[in-house]
Protein backbone atom coordinates (compact mmCIF):
# COMPACT_ATOMS: atom_id res chain seq x y z
CA MET A 1 -56.69 199.87 181.06
CA ILE A 2 -60.15 198.99 182.34
CA HIS A 3 -60.33 196.79 185.43
CA VAL A 4 -63.34 194.54 185.97
CA CYS A 5 -64.70 192.23 188.62
CA HIS A 6 -67.89 190.31 189.21
CA TYR A 7 -70.12 191.06 192.19
CA ASN A 8 -72.61 188.40 193.27
CA SER A 9 -75.68 190.36 194.36
CA PRO A 10 -78.96 188.94 195.67
CA LEU A 11 -80.45 189.95 192.30
CA GLY A 12 -77.81 188.30 190.15
CA ASP A 13 -74.24 188.93 189.09
CA LEU A 14 -73.07 192.45 188.36
CA LEU A 15 -70.07 193.22 186.19
CA LEU A 16 -68.20 196.18 187.72
CA ALA A 17 -65.71 198.20 185.69
CA ALA A 18 -63.22 200.89 186.69
CA GLU A 19 -60.72 203.06 184.91
CA ASP A 20 -58.14 205.37 186.49
CA GLU A 21 -59.45 204.39 189.96
CA LYS A 22 -62.99 205.58 189.11
CA LEU A 23 -66.05 203.40 188.69
CA ILE A 24 -67.33 203.50 185.11
CA GLY A 25 -69.79 200.62 185.01
CA ALA A 26 -72.04 198.24 186.92
CA TRP A 27 -74.28 196.04 184.80
CA PHE A 28 -76.49 193.11 185.68
CA GLU A 29 -75.33 190.10 183.69
CA SER A 30 -78.41 189.85 181.48
CA ALA A 31 -79.05 193.60 181.23
CA LYS A 32 -79.61 195.49 178.05
CA TYR A 33 -76.40 197.37 177.12
CA TYR A 34 -74.33 194.94 179.27
CA GLY A 35 -70.73 196.15 179.22
CA SER A 36 -71.71 198.44 176.38
CA PHE A 37 -68.45 200.35 176.04
CA LEU A 38 -65.92 197.76 177.18
CA LYS A 39 -63.41 196.67 174.58
CA SER A 40 -61.91 193.28 175.36
CA ASP A 41 -58.37 194.32 174.43
CA ARG A 42 -58.43 196.98 177.19
CA VAL A 43 -59.99 194.87 179.98
CA THR A 44 -58.20 193.11 182.81
CA GLU A 45 -59.39 191.43 185.99
CA GLU A 46 -56.66 193.03 188.08
CA GLU A 47 -57.78 194.60 191.36
CA ASP A 48 -58.57 198.31 191.39
CA PRO A 49 -59.37 200.50 194.44
CA ALA A 50 -62.58 201.74 192.79
CA LEU A 51 -63.82 198.17 192.42
CA VAL A 52 -63.06 197.40 196.07
CA ARG A 53 -64.99 200.52 197.16
CA ALA A 54 -67.90 199.66 194.85
CA CYS A 55 -68.12 196.13 196.29
CA GLU A 56 -68.12 197.55 199.83
CA TRP A 57 -70.84 200.03 198.80
CA LEU A 58 -72.96 197.25 197.30
CA ASP A 59 -72.45 195.06 200.40
CA ALA A 60 -73.78 197.89 202.57
CA TYR A 61 -76.66 198.59 200.20
CA PHE A 62 -77.83 194.99 200.09
CA ARG A 63 -77.59 194.78 203.90
CA GLY A 64 -80.27 197.50 204.03
CA MET A 65 -78.06 200.50 204.65
CA CYS A 66 -78.32 203.58 202.44
CA PRO A 67 -74.75 204.35 201.40
CA ASP A 68 -74.16 207.64 199.59
CA PRO A 69 -73.30 207.06 195.91
CA ASN A 70 -71.51 210.41 195.92
CA ALA A 71 -68.96 208.87 198.30
CA LEU A 72 -67.67 206.78 195.39
CA GLN A 73 -65.48 208.16 192.66
CA LEU A 74 -67.64 207.81 189.58
CA CYS A 75 -66.71 208.60 186.01
CA LEU A 76 -69.90 209.56 184.23
CA LYS A 77 -69.66 208.70 180.53
CA GLY A 78 -71.85 209.80 177.67
CA SER A 79 -73.13 212.97 176.08
CA ALA A 80 -73.55 216.14 178.12
CA PHE A 81 -77.30 215.45 178.24
CA ARG A 82 -76.83 211.88 179.51
CA VAL A 83 -74.39 213.08 182.16
CA SER A 84 -76.88 215.74 183.30
CA VAL A 85 -79.55 213.03 183.66
CA LEU A 86 -77.15 210.79 185.62
CA LYS A 87 -76.44 213.68 188.00
CA VAL A 88 -80.17 214.13 188.61
CA LEU A 89 -80.49 210.39 189.30
CA LEU A 90 -77.77 210.68 191.93
CA SER A 91 -79.91 213.25 193.76
CA ILE A 92 -82.92 210.95 194.17
CA PRO A 93 -82.94 209.97 197.85
CA TYR A 94 -82.78 206.37 199.02
CA GLY A 95 -86.32 205.00 199.14
CA GLY A 96 -87.63 207.89 197.04
CA THR A 97 -88.91 207.93 193.51
CA THR A 98 -89.49 210.43 190.73
CA THR A 99 -90.80 210.34 187.19
CA TYR A 100 -89.23 210.79 183.79
CA GLY A 101 -91.39 213.88 183.35
CA ALA A 102 -90.24 215.42 186.63
CA ILE A 103 -86.61 214.93 185.59
CA ALA A 104 -87.37 216.50 182.19
CA ASN A 105 -89.02 219.49 183.89
CA ARG A 106 -86.06 219.93 186.23
CA LEU A 107 -83.54 219.82 183.39
CA ALA A 108 -85.66 222.21 181.32
CA ALA A 109 -85.80 224.68 184.21
CA GLU A 110 -82.02 224.44 184.70
CA SER A 111 -81.13 224.75 181.02
CA GLY A 112 -83.91 226.94 179.67
CA LYS A 113 -84.41 224.38 176.87
CA ASN A 114 -87.29 222.02 176.24
CA VAL A 115 -86.55 218.49 177.46
CA SER A 116 -88.86 215.58 176.74
CA ALA A 117 -89.63 212.76 179.13
CA GLN A 118 -88.79 210.35 176.29
CA ALA A 119 -85.29 211.81 175.95
CA VAL A 120 -84.84 211.42 179.69
CA GLY A 121 -86.05 207.82 179.40
CA GLY A 122 -83.44 207.10 176.76
CA ALA A 123 -80.68 208.53 178.94
CA VAL A 124 -81.92 206.69 182.04
CA GLY A 125 -82.07 203.44 180.07
CA HIS A 126 -78.39 203.78 179.16
CA ASN A 127 -77.26 204.32 182.77
CA PRO A 128 -73.95 202.44 182.89
CA ILE A 129 -73.75 202.22 186.71
CA SER A 130 -76.83 200.27 187.82
CA VAL A 131 -78.01 200.32 191.43
CA ILE A 132 -75.34 202.85 192.50
CA ILE A 133 -76.77 205.48 190.15
CA PRO A 134 -80.38 204.74 191.08
CA CYS A 135 -82.24 204.66 187.77
CA HIS A 136 -84.55 202.08 189.36
CA ARG A 137 -86.14 204.98 191.30
CA VAL A 138 -87.62 206.51 188.13
CA LEU A 139 -91.26 205.67 187.40
CA GLY A 140 -93.76 206.34 184.66
CA ALA A 141 -96.03 209.40 184.91
CA ASP A 142 -98.78 207.27 186.49
CA GLY A 143 -96.38 205.71 189.03
CA SER A 144 -96.00 202.50 187.06
CA LEU A 145 -92.81 200.50 186.76
CA THR A 146 -91.44 201.15 183.30
CA GLY A 147 -88.15 200.54 181.56
CA TYR A 148 -85.24 199.10 183.47
CA ALA A 149 -82.28 197.67 181.56
CA GLY A 150 -81.83 195.06 184.30
CA GLY A 151 -85.45 193.93 184.02
CA LEU A 152 -88.65 195.09 185.68
CA ASP A 153 -88.53 192.31 188.29
CA ARG A 154 -85.18 193.63 189.53
CA LYS A 155 -86.52 197.19 189.54
CA ARG A 156 -89.50 196.11 191.64
CA ARG A 157 -87.27 194.19 194.06
CA LEU A 158 -84.85 197.12 194.43
CA LEU A 159 -87.74 199.47 195.24
CA LEU A 160 -89.19 196.98 197.74
CA HIS A 161 -85.74 196.59 199.30
CA GLU A 162 -85.44 200.34 199.78
CA SER A 163 -88.95 200.59 201.24
CA GLY A 164 -88.02 198.13 203.99
CA ASN A 165 -90.13 195.33 202.49
CA SER A 166 -87.17 193.52 201.06
CA ILE A 167 -87.54 190.24 199.25
CA LEU A 168 -83.85 190.00 198.40
């Protein structure tokens, strides 16, 4: 059974989802791929410890603290490639940024296989755990804000929040 709850963030409502006491999803209400793998016959709004921890994490984050996403029990879903990209995202420090190309180069060095920035972009765009897995910290090659399933305005505001210039 998948447990869900709604979290009212300063940037809009997030739908949080957990299964087997692990967080599996956090989507902004109007985001692309919203609740992409939730099947209504397996969803309940019963409380789950992973949802409580995720809400506490988000409370701390939006208060300006930099909680460690690795402190949460996350269940990373998707292909092996997507999971490898999500793991790289988890290593981007609070307030830091990287590029799709830098992630592709890192994965290529680790795997010995060619990895394109576009493939990384596709995996980043399907990140099912917004904010907590910080896909908003990934920029275009020229430092521009590109692609964020929750919308570029939210991406900009999350980056400003982490830089100490919060407009939340």
